[in-house]
Amino acid sequence: MRMGIRGTREYFGADPNYVPHLVTDVMRCGTCDFIYASPMHERMLQLEQAYYDDPERYSATVGCDSSKMYQTRLDFISIYKTGGALLDVGAGKGEFLSLAAREGWEVQGIEPSPSFRRYAKERYGIECHAGCLGDSGSLPVNYFDVITLNHVLEHVDRPSGFLDVIRQYLKADGILFIEVPNCDSYFLRILDLYFRMKGLKWSSRLSPFHPPFHRFGFTTRSLTFLLERSRYRVVRAATFSGRDRGFQQKKSRWHPEVILREMATASLQFLGNRELLAVIAKPVRS
């Protein structure tokens, strides 16, 4: 099902004269709810790689209290595991691993961006493995008590294959933590309704041509479907608001998107189905 369009001009704050003008359809699978961009332009990957290889630019646009964000994630994990070996896949600049290490976890990370790895080492003393999981022979298999994917799965080309690779590195009783944007949140539903009322054919569900460059999107239904198909058992799925995670708006408070977000998050805070989706899953051993 076609949900709308997203491009280099089809979002609030976009340069209306951006050249080349690239547009893609935002599609939703009627069977599992998986959301994806179609067609997949080569330019998507180029823009994404440039953005995630610049620590300073990334810090300036994320707009969140990282200490609160990472602490709430670790608290969520600690309900199920209180310590052990933890691998953060897509470790970024090392903030989450630094916090976990301070709280007694044995930490390792893997990160494809050289500049992010350098930042993690210089700022936090965290030395991350280079490359992508499965490509590196330096990580021990069947070793980790916890593997975390903090806003990684929406960037992976083949999510199901990626989850198969992750299984190789988890202990039999290990857990997988995933956090992704909730692409069926009430806030995004309201935002899409606003687009329609304005006569715009945009969809808010993905952002393939602008930060944070998401080509794929998940809902509770689609992520559960994917995990079960990949032989994981979902232990818990919960949604959180951006405020829960410490996200802050850096745009002008009079920007339409900011006004909508503030109104929606305040009014929908207690209704559930919020903007961020977190899942704890365990591998099913045959």
C-alpha atoms as a PDB file:
ATOM      1  CA  MET A   1       0.000   0.000   0.000  1.00  0.00           C
ATOM      2  CA  ARG A   2       1.301   3.447  -0.928  1.00  0.00           C
ATOM      3  CA  MET A   3       1.341   5.766   2.093  1.00  0.00           C
ATOM      4  CA  GLY A   4       2.704   8.871   0.401  1.00  0.00           C
ATOM      5  CA  ILE A   5       5.917  10.366  -0.945  1.00  0.00           C
ATOM      6  CA  ARG A   6       9.163  11.542   0.625  1.00  0.00           C
ATOM      7  CA  GLY A   7      11.963  13.363  -1.126  1.00  0.00           C
ATOM      8  CA  THR A   8      14.554  16.092  -0.971  1.00  0.00           C
ATOM      9  CA  ARG A   9      11.799  18.744  -0.972  1.00  0.00           C
ATOM     10  CA  GLU A  10       8.871  16.895   0.633  1.00  0.00           C
ATOM     11  CA  TYR A  11       9.392  17.692   4.311  1.00  0.00           C
ATOM     12  CA  PHE A  12       9.271  20.697   6.630  1.00  0.00           C
ATOM     13  CA  GLY A  13      12.414  22.792   6.428  1.00  0.00           C
ATOM     14  CA  ALA A  14      13.501  21.404   3.055  1.00  0.00           C
ATOM     15  CA  ASP A  15      15.162  23.601   0.465  1.00  0.00           C
ATOM     16  CA  PRO A  16      12.450  23.985  -2.236  1.00  0.00           C
ATOM     17  CA  ASN A  17      15.184  24.487  -4.836  1.00  0.00           C
ATOM     18  CA  TYR A  18      17.224  21.388  -3.911  1.00  0.00           C
ATOM     19  CA  VAL A  19      18.830  19.911  -7.012  1.00  0.00           C
ATOM     20  CA  PRO A  20      18.522  17.159  -8.031  1.00  0.00           C
ATOM     21  CA  HIS A  21      14.954  16.740  -6.851  1.00  0.00           C
ATOM     22  CA  LEU A  22      14.696  13.106  -5.745  1.00  0.00           C
ATOM     23  CA  VAL A  23      11.419  11.539  -4.635  1.00  0.00           C
ATOM     24  CA  THR A  24      10.417   8.039  -3.584  1.00  0.00           C
ATOM     25  CA  ASP A  25       7.191   6.342  -2.511  1.00  0.00           C
ATOM     26  CA  VAL A  26       6.676   5.251   1.081  1.00  0.00           C
ATOM     27  CA  MET A  27       5.102   1.784   0.966  1.00  0.00           C
ATOM     28  CA  ARG A  28       3.523  -0.436   3.609  1.00  0.00           C
ATOM     29  CA  CYS A  29       3.201  -4.214   3.417  1.00  0.00           C
ATOM     30  CA  GLY A  30      -0.387  -5.337   3.907  1.00  0.00           C
ATOM     31  CA  THR A  31       0.740  -8.651   5.415  1.00  0.00           C
ATOM     32  CA  CYS A  32       3.285  -7.649   8.060  1.00  0.00           C
ATOM     33  CA  ASP A  33       3.170  -3.799   8.281  1.00  0.00           C
ATOM     34  CA  PHE A  34       6.804  -3.406   7.150  1.00  0.00           C
ATOM     35  CA  ILE A  35       7.376   0.116   5.791  1.00  0.00           C
ATOM     36  CA  TYR A  36       9.924   0.784   3.073  1.00  0.00           C
ATOM     37  CA  ALA A  37      10.998   3.254   0.397  1.00  0.00           C
ATOM     38  CA  SER A  38      10.452   2.278  -3.225  1.00  0.00           C
ATOM     39  CA  PRO A  39      12.347   2.790  -5.434  1.00  0.00           C
ATOM     40  CA  MET A  40      15.640   2.730  -3.532  1.00  0.00           C
ATOM     41  CA  HIS A  41      17.792   5.467  -5.029  1.00  0.00           C
ATOM     42  CA  GLU A  42      21.570   5.071  -4.900  1.00  0.00           C
ATOM     43  CA  ARG A  43      21.715   8.629  -3.555  1.00  0.00           C
ATOM     44  CA  MET A  44      20.016   7.486  -0.333  1.00  0.00           C
ATOM     45  CA  LEU A  45      23.027   5.445   0.722  1.00  0.00           C
ATOM     46  CA  GLN A  46      25.484   8.198  -0.243  1.00  0.00           C
ATOM     47  CA  LEU A  47      23.686  10.814   1.859  1.00  0.00           C
ATOM     48  CA  GLU A  48      23.336   8.411   4.781  1.00  0.00           C
ATOM     49  CA  GLN A  49      27.021   7.468   4.798  1.00  0.00           C
ATOM     50  CA  ALA A  50      28.130  11.118   4.710  1.00  0.00           C
ATOM     51  CA  TYR A  51      25.840  12.011   7.614  1.00  0.00           C
ATOM     52  CA  TYR A  52      26.927   9.103   9.810  1.00  0.00           C
ATOM     53  CA  ASP A  53      30.627   9.751   9.229  1.00  0.00           C
ATOM     54  CA  ASP A  54      30.616  13.260  10.752  1.00  0.00           C
ATOM     55  CA  PRO A  55      30.425  13.215  14.587  1.00  0.00           C
ATOM     56  CA  GLU A  56      30.083  16.983  14.918  1.00  0.00           C
ATOM     57  CA  ARG A  57      27.298  17.298  12.365  1.00  0.00           C
ATOM     58  CA  TYR A  58      25.525  14.311  13.887  1.00  0.00           C
ATOM     59  CA  SER A  59      25.722  15.800  17.400  1.00  0.00           C
ATOM     60  CA  ALA A  60      24.309  19.097  16.172  1.00  0.00           C
ATOM     61  CA  THR A  61      21.215  17.519  14.632  1.00  0.00           C
ATOM     62  CA  VAL A  62      20.286  14.692  17.003  1.00  0.00           C
ATOM     63  CA  GLY A  63      18.996  17.093  19.656  1.00  0.00           C
ATOM     64  CA  CYS A  64      18.752  14.967  22.801  1.00  0.00           C
ATOM     65  CA  ASP A  65      19.986  14.592  26.356  1.00  0.00           C
ATOM     66  CA  SER A  66      22.158  11.565  25.617  1.00  0.00           C
ATOM     67  CA  SER A  67      22.774  10.709  29.270  1.00  0.00           C
ATOM     68  CA  LYS A  68      19.028  10.287  29.877  1.00  0.00           C
ATOM     69  CA  MET A  69      18.505   8.472  26.591  1.00  0.00           C
ATOM     70  CA  TYR A  70      21.183   5.848  27.211  1.00  0.00           C
ATOM     71  CA  GLN A  71      20.299   5.413  30.889  1.00  0.00           C
ATOM     72  CA  THR A  72      16.662   4.639  30.125  1.00  0.00           C
ATOM     73  CA  ARG A  73      17.751   2.034  27.583  1.00  0.00           C
ATOM     74  CA  LEU A  74      20.143   0.396  30.029  1.00  0.00           C
ATOM     75  CA  ASP A  75      17.463   0.406  32.744  1.00  0.00           C
ATOM     76  CA  PHE A  76      15.082  -1.355  30.338  1.00  0.00           C
ATOM     77  CA  ILE A  77      17.708  -4.025  29.578  1.00  0.00           C
ATOM     78  CA  SER A  78      18.603  -4.466  33.257  1.00  0.00           C
ATOM     79  CA  ILE A  79      15.123  -5.774  34.028  1.00  0.00           C
ATOM     80  CA  TYR A  80      16.176  -8.932  32.153  1.00  0.00           C
ATOM     81  CA  LYS A  81      19.979  -8.940  32.501  1.00  0.00           C
ATOM     82  CA  THR A  82      21.899  -7.136  35.237  1.00  0.00           C
ATOM     83  CA  GLY A  83      25.404  -7.726  33.939  1.00  0.00           C
ATOM     84  CA  GLY A  84      27.701  -9.713  31.708  1.00  0.00           C
ATOM     85  CA  ALA A  85      29.136  -9.269  28.231  1.00  0.00           C
ATOM     86  CA  LEU A  86      27.373  -6.618  26.135  1.00  0.00           C
ATOM     87  CA  LEU A  87      27.896  -5.947  22.436  1.00  0.00           C
ATOM     88  CA  ASP A  88      26.567  -2.708  20.950  1.00  0.00           C
ATOM     89  CA  VAL A  89      26.143  -3.053  17.184  1.00  0.00           C
ATOM     90  CA  GLY A  90      26.424   0.286  15.426  1.00  0.00           C
ATOM     91  CA  ALA A  91      28.072   1.713  18.515  1.00  0.00           C
ATOM     92  CA  GLY A  92      28.310   5.213  17.084  1.00  0.00           C
ATOM     93  CA  LYS A  93      30.409   7.542  19.203  1.00  0.00           C
ATOM     94  CA  GLY A  94      30.543   5.173  22.185  1.00  0.00           C
ATOM     95  CA  GLU A  95      28.259   6.984  24.651  1.00  0.00           C
ATOM     96  CA  PHE A  96      26.090   3.970  25.433  1.00  0.00           C
ATOM     97  CA  LEU A  97      29.076   1.646  25.860  1.00  0.00           C
ATOM     98  CA  SER A  98      30.762   4.176  28.140  1.00  0.00           C
ATOM     99  CA  LEU A  99      27.707   4.242  30.413  1.00  0.00           C
ATOM    100  CA  ALA A 100      27.377   0.443  30.418  1.00  0.00           C
ATOM    101  CA  ALA A 101      31.072   0.072  31.296  1.00  0.00           C
ATOM    102  CA  ARG A 102      30.675   2.465  34.232  1.00  0.00           C
ATOM    103  CA  GLU A 103      27.809   0.321  35.499  1.00  0.00           C
ATOM    104  CA  GLY A 104      29.909  -2.831  35.464  1.00  0.00           C
ATOM    105  CA  TRP A 105      29.184  -4.405  32.083  1.00  0.00           C
ATOM    106  CA  GLU A 106      31.933  -6.030  30.013  1.00  0.00           C
ATOM    107  CA  VAL A 107      31.502  -4.024  26.830  1.00  0.00           C
ATOM    108  CA  GLN A 108      32.448  -4.347  23.185  1.00  0.00           C
ATOM    109  CA  GLY A 109      31.202  -2.417  20.183  1.00  0.00           C
ATOM    110  CA  ILE A 110      31.307  -2.607  16.413  1.00  0.00           C
ATOM    111  CA  GLU A 111      30.990   0.469  14.210  1.00  0.00           C
ATOM    112  CA  PRO A 112      31.575   0.969  10.455  1.00  0.00           C
ATOM    113  CA  SER A 113      32.382   4.698  10.625  1.00  0.00           C
ATOM    114  CA  PRO A 114      36.124   5.425  11.132  1.00  0.00           C
ATOM    115  CA  SER A 115      35.436   8.911  12.480  1.00  0.00           C
ATOM    116  CA  PHE A 116      32.888   7.611  14.985  1.00  0.00           C
ATOM    117  CA  ARG A 117      35.318   4.906  16.151  1.00  0.00           C
ATOM    118  CA  ARG A 118      38.026   7.527  16.550  1.00  0.00           C
ATOM    119  CA  TYR A 119      35.694   9.750  18.557  1.00  0.00           C
ATOM    120  CA  ALA A 120      34.720   6.838  20.849  1.00  0.00           C
ATOM    121  CA  LYS A 121      38.364   6.054  21.557  1.00  0.00           C
ATOM    122  CA  GLU A 122      39.473   9.648  22.107  1.00  0.00           C
ATOM    123  CA  ARG A 123      36.445  10.790  24.119  1.00  0.00           C
ATOM    124  CA  TYR A 124      35.535   7.671  26.110  1.00  0.00           C
ATOM    125  CA  GLY A 125      38.461   5.286  25.777  1.00  0.00           C
ATOM    126  CA  ILE A 126      36.169   2.810  23.967  1.00  0.00           C
ATOM    127  CA  GLU A 127      37.871   0.867  21.177  1.00  0.00           C
ATOM    128  CA  CYS A 128      35.228  -0.420  18.769  1.00  0.00           C
ATOM    129  CA  HIS A 129      35.703  -3.144  16.180  1.00  0.00           C
ATOM    130  CA  ALA A 130      35.678  -1.916  12.587  1.00  0.00           C
ATOM    131  CA  GLY A 131      33.162  -2.921   9.952  1.00  0.00           C
ATOM    132  CA  CYS A 132      29.826  -4.690  10.208  1.00  0.00           C
ATOM    133  CA  LEU A 133      28.746  -7.656  12.277  1.00  0.00           C
ATOM    134  CA  GLY A 134      29.565 -10.879  10.448  1.00  0.00           C
ATOM    135  CA  ASP A 135      32.443  -9.294   8.536  1.00  0.00           C
ATOM    136  CA  SER A 136      34.709  -9.074  11.560  1.00  0.00           C
ATOM    137  CA  GLY A 137      36.471 -12.233  12.707  1.00  0.00           C
ATOM    138  CA  SER A 138      37.595 -10.585  15.938  1.00  0.00           C
ATOM    139  CA  LEU A 139      34.309 -11.020  17.819  1.00  0.00           C
ATOM    140  CA  PRO A 140      33.714 -14.254  19.764  1.00  0.00           C
ATOM    141  CA  VAL A 141      30.647 -16.318  18.827  1.00  0.00           C
ATOM    142  CA  ASN A 142      28.093 -17.600  21.385  1.00  0.00           C
ATOM    143  CA  TYR A 143      29.624 -15.170  23.864  1.00  0.00           C
ATOM    144  CA  PHE A 144      27.411 -12.172  24.578  1.00  0.00           C
ATOM    145  CA  ASP A 145      24.744 -11.966  27.261  1.00  0.00           C
ATOM    146  CA  VAL A 146      23.228  -8.903  25.598  1.00  0.00           C
ATOM    147  CA  ILE A 147      23.413  -7.512  22.069  1.00  0.00           C
ATOM    148  CA  THR A 148      21.954  -4.059  21.480  1.00  0.00           C
ATOM    149  CA  LEU A 149      20.712  -2.412  18.288  1.00  0.00           C
ATOM    150  CA  ASN A 150      20.081   1.228  19.154  1.00  0.00           C
ATOM    151  CA  HIS A 151      18.402   2.721  16.066  1.00  0.00           C
ATOM    152  CA  VAL A 152      20.322   0.441  13.718  1.00  0.00           C
ATOM    153  CA  LEU A 153      17.761  -1.952  12.219  1.00  0.00           C
ATOM    154  CA  GLU A 154      16.056   0.787  10.175  1.00  0.00           C
ATOM    155  CA  HIS A 155      19.380   1.278   8.318  1.00  0.00           C
ATOM    156  CA  VAL A 156      20.148  -2.383   7.563  1.00  0.00           C
ATOM    157  CA  ASP A 157      19.710  -3.588   3.970  1.00  0.00           C
ATOM    158  CA  ARG A 158      18.455  -7.073   4.904  1.00  0.00           C
ATOM    159  CA  PRO A 159      17.016  -7.033   8.451  1.00  0.00           C
ATOM    160  CA  SER A 160      16.119 -10.736   8.489  1.00  0.00           C
ATOM    161  CA  GLY A 161      19.610 -11.817   7.417  1.00  0.00           C
ATOM    162  CA  PHE A 162      21.114  -9.436   9.935  1.00  0.00           C
ATOM    163  CA  LEU A 163      19.126 -11.015  12.779  1.00  0.00           C
ATOM    164  CA  ASP A 164      20.397 -14.439  11.653  1.00  0.00           C
ATOM    165  CA  VAL A 165      23.966 -13.167  11.993  1.00  0.00           C
ATOM    166  CA  ILE A 166      23.301 -11.729  15.452  1.00  0.00           C
ATOM    167  CA  ARG A 167      22.118 -15.121  16.691  1.00  0.00           C
ATOM    168  CA  GLN A 168      25.642 -16.515  16.177  1.00  0.00           C
ATOM    169  CA  TYR A 169      27.089 -14.142  18.785  1.00  0.00           C
ATOM    170  CA  LEU A 170      24.441 -14.506  21.513  1.00  0.00           C
ATOM    171  CA  LYS A 171      24.633 -17.013  24.348  1.00  0.00           C
ATOM    172  CA  ALA A 172      21.823 -19.554  24.479  1.00  0.00           C
ATOM    173  CA  ASP A 173      20.162 -17.550  27.259  1.00  0.00           C
ATOM    174  CA  GLY A 174      21.223 -14.159  25.871  1.00  0.00           C
ATOM    175  CA  ILE A 175      18.879 -11.317  24.985  1.00  0.00           C
ATOM    176  CA  LEU A 176      18.610  -8.960  22.054  1.00  0.00           C
ATOM    177  CA  PHE A 177      17.571  -5.348  22.650  1.00  0.00           C
ATOM    178  CA  ILE A 178      16.224  -3.367  19.705  1.00  0.00           C
ATOM    179  CA  GLU A 179      15.049   0.213  19.633  1.00  0.00           C
ATOM    180  CA  VAL A 180      13.632   1.756  16.449  1.00  0.00           C
ATOM    181  CA  PRO A 181      11.269   4.598  15.596  1.00  0.00           C
ATOM    182  CA  ASN A 182       7.652   3.493  15.925  1.00  0.00           C
ATOM    183  CA  CYS A 183       6.334   4.140  12.424  1.00  0.00           C
ATOM    184  CA  ASP A 184       2.708   3.709  13.456  1.00  0.00           C
ATOM    185  CA  SER A 185       2.744   6.027  16.477  1.00  0.00           C
ATOM    186  CA  TYR A 186      -0.216   8.275  17.127  1.00  0.00           C
ATOM    187  CA  PHE A 187       2.032  11.274  16.554  1.00  0.00           C
ATOM    188  CA  LEU A 188       2.920  10.165  13.002  1.00  0.00           C
ATOM    189  CA  ARG A 189      -0.716   9.379  12.270  1.00  0.00           C
ATOM    190  CA  ILE A 190      -1.651  12.919  13.277  1.00  0.00           C
ATOM    191  CA  LEU A 191       1.210  14.375  11.248  1.00  0.00           C
ATOM    192  CA  ASP A 192       0.110  12.482   8.133  1.00  0.00           C
ATOM    193  CA  LEU A 193      -3.447  13.696   8.684  1.00  0.00           C
ATOM    194  CA  TYR A 194      -2.102  17.238   8.867  1.00  0.00           C
ATOM    195  CA  PHE A 195      -0.292  16.715   5.538  1.00  0.00           C
ATOM    196  CA  ARG A 196      -3.520  15.550   3.923  1.00  0.00           C
ATOM    197  CA  MET A 197      -5.445  18.533   5.289  1.00  0.00           C
ATOM    198  CA  LYS A 198      -2.784  20.814   3.779  1.00  0.00           C
ATOM    199  CA  GLY A 199      -3.174  19.068   0.410  1.00  0.00           C
ATOM    200  CA  LEU A 200       0.295  17.491   0.647  1.00  0.00           C
ATOM    201  CA  LYS A 201       0.962  13.902  -0.444  1.00  0.00           C
ATOM    202  CA  TRP A 202       3.861  13.527   1.976  1.00  0.00           C
ATOM    203  CA  SER A 203       4.324  10.641   4.416  1.00  0.00           C
ATOM    204  CA  SER A 204       6.038  11.175   7.763  1.00  0.00           C
ATOM    205  CA  ARG A 205       6.864   7.486   8.199  1.00  0.00           C
ATOM    206  CA  LEU A 206      10.340   7.543   6.579  1.00  0.00           C
ATOM    207  CA  SER A 207      13.105  10.062   5.873  1.00  0.00           C
ATOM    208  CA  PRO A 208      15.290   8.472   3.169  1.00  0.00           C
ATOM    209  CA  PHE A 209      16.733  11.752   1.818  1.00  0.00           C
ATOM    210  CA  HIS A 210      17.232  13.765   5.008  1.00  0.00           C
ATOM    211  CA  PRO A 211      18.305  13.088   8.615  1.00  0.00           C
ATOM    212  CA  PRO A 212      18.077  10.523  10.056  1.00  0.00           C
ATOM    213  CA  PHE A 213      18.018   8.813   6.599  1.00  0.00           C
ATOM    214  CA  HIS A 214      15.658   5.919   7.341  1.00  0.00           C
ATOM    215  CA  ARG A 215      14.867   3.735   4.339  1.00  0.00           C
ATOM    216  CA  PHE A 216      12.912   1.165   6.361  1.00  0.00           C
ATOM    217  CA  GLY A 217      10.402   1.463   9.165  1.00  0.00           C
ATOM    218  CA  PHE A 218       8.861  -0.782  11.806  1.00  0.00           C
ATOM    219  CA  THR A 219       5.736  -1.055  13.886  1.00  0.00           C
ATOM    220  CA  THR A 220       5.136  -3.347  16.851  1.00  0.00           C
ATOM    221  CA  ARG A 221       3.418  -5.757  14.481  1.00  0.00           C
ATOM    222  CA  SER A 222       6.116  -5.783  11.801  1.00  0.00           C
ATOM    223  CA  LEU A 223       9.032  -6.012  14.235  1.00  0.00           C
ATOM    224  CA  THR A 224       7.377  -8.883  16.097  1.00  0.00           C
ATOM    225  CA  PHE A 225       6.652 -10.598  12.756  1.00  0.00           C
ATOM    226  CA  LEU A 226      10.281 -10.194  11.681  1.00  0.00           C
ATOM    227  CA  LEU A 227      11.704 -11.481  14.962  1.00  0.00           C
ATOM    228  CA  GLU A 228       9.439 -14.525  15.049  1.00  0.00           C
ATOM    229  CA  ARG A 229      10.255 -15.343  11.413  1.00  0.00           C
ATOM    230  CA  SER A 230      13.948 -15.071  12.395  1.00  0.00           C
ATOM    231  CA  ARG A 231      13.447 -17.522  15.287  1.00  0.00           C
ATOM    232  CA  TYR A 232      13.361 -15.105  18.198  1.00  0.00           C
ATOM    233  CA  ARG A 233      10.767 -14.933  20.956  1.00  0.00           C
ATOM    234  CA  VAL A 234       9.603 -11.442  21.868  1.00  0.00           C
ATOM    235  CA  VAL A 235       9.721 -11.094  25.644  1.00  0.00           C
ATOM    236  CA  ARG A 236       8.542  -7.500  25.821  1.00  0.00           C
ATOM    237  CA  ALA A 237       7.619  -4.702  23.445  1.00  0.00           C
ATOM    238  CA  ALA A 238       7.019  -1.177  24.719  1.00  0.00           C
ATOM    239  CA  THR A 239       6.757   2.310  23.283  1.00  0.00           C
ATOM    240  CA  PHE A 240       8.310   5.493  24.631  1.00  0.00           C
ATOM    241  CA  SER A 241       7.902   9.149  23.846  1.00  0.00           C
ATOM    242  CA  GLY A 242      10.775  11.322  22.713  1.00  0.00           C
ATOM    243  CA  ARG A 243      10.493  13.101  26.057  1.00  0.00           C
ATOM    244  CA  ASP A 244      11.015   9.783  27.854  1.00  0.00           C
ATOM    245  CA  ARG A 245      14.266   9.411  25.938  1.00  0.00           C
ATOM    246  CA  GLY A 246      15.454  12.991  26.435  1.00  0.00           C
ATOM    247  CA  PHE A 247      14.902  14.203  22.876  1.00  0.00           C
ATOM    248  CA  GLN A 248      14.667  17.976  22.484  1.00  0.00           C
ATOM    249  CA  GLN A 249      13.661  20.195  19.602  1.00  0.00           C
ATOM    250  CA  LYS A 250      16.370  22.531  18.264  1.00  0.00           C
ATOM    251  CA  LYS A 251      14.210  24.161  15.607  1.00  0.00           C
ATOM    252  CA  SER A 252      12.317  27.383  16.168  1.00  0.00           C
ATOM    253  CA  ARG A 253       9.405  26.778  18.521  1.00  0.00           C
ATOM    254  CA  TRP A 254       7.120  28.346  15.898  1.00  0.00           C
ATOM    255  CA  HIS A 255       8.099  25.805  13.252  1.00  0.00           C
ATOM    256  CA  PRO A 256       4.909  23.848  12.240  1.00  0.00           C
ATOM    257  CA  GLU A 257       6.528  20.462  12.850  1.00  0.00           C
ATOM    258  CA  VAL A 258       7.708  21.524  16.328  1.00  0.00           C
ATOM    259  CA  ILE A 259       4.274  22.874  17.281  1.00  0.00           C
ATOM    260  CA  LEU A 260       2.626  19.654  16.105  1.00  0.00           C
ATOM    261  CA  ARG A 261       5.129  17.499  17.972  1.00  0.00           C
ATOM    262  CA  GLU A 262       4.759  19.448  21.215  1.00  0.00           C
ATOM    263  CA  MET A 263       0.969  19.345  21.073  1.00  0.00           C
ATOM    264  CA  ALA A 264       0.821  15.690  20.071  1.00  0.00           C
ATOM    265  CA  THR A 265       3.372  14.345  22.546  1.00  0.00           C
ATOM    266  CA  ALA A 266       1.809  16.271  25.416  1.00  0.00           C
ATOM    267  CA  SER A 267      -1.728  15.083  24.644  1.00  0.00           C
ATOM    268  CA  LEU A 268      -0.828  11.496  23.678  1.00  0.00           C
ATOM    269  CA  GLN A 269       1.707  10.832  26.434  1.00  0.00           C
ATOM    270  CA  PHE A 270      -0.662   8.603  28.408  1.00  0.00           C
ATOM    271  CA  LEU A 271      -2.354   6.808  25.514  1.00  0.00           C
ATOM    272  CA  GLY A 272       0.528   4.519  24.541  1.00  0.00           C
ATOM    273  CA  ASN A 273       1.677   3.809  20.977  1.00  0.00           C
ATOM    274  CA  ARG A 274       4.362   6.479  21.299  1.00  0.00           C
ATOM    275  CA  GLU A 275       7.178   7.502  18.947  1.00  0.00           C
ATOM    276  CA  LEU A 276       9.897   4.997  19.922  1.00  0.00           C
ATOM    277  CA  LEU A 277       9.596   1.214  19.994  1.00  0.00           C
ATOM    278  CA  ALA A 278      11.795  -0.955  22.210  1.00  0.00           C
ATOM    279  CA  VAL A 279      11.839  -4.760  22.180  1.00  0.00           C
ATOM    280  CA  ILE A 280      13.521  -7.465  24.226  1.00  0.00           C
ATOM    281  CA  ALA A 281      13.822 -10.796  22.394  1.00  0.00           C
ATOM    282  CA  LYS A 282      15.476 -14.130  23.027  1.00  0.00           C
ATOM    283  CA  PRO A 283      16.760 -16.568  20.400  1.00  0.00           C
ATOM    284  CA  VAL A 284      14.745 -19.748  19.976  1.00  0.00           C
ATOM    285  CA  ARG A 285      17.204 -22.626  19.877  1.00  0.00           C
ATOM    286  CA  SER A 286      16.129 -25.607  17.776  1.00  0.00           C
END
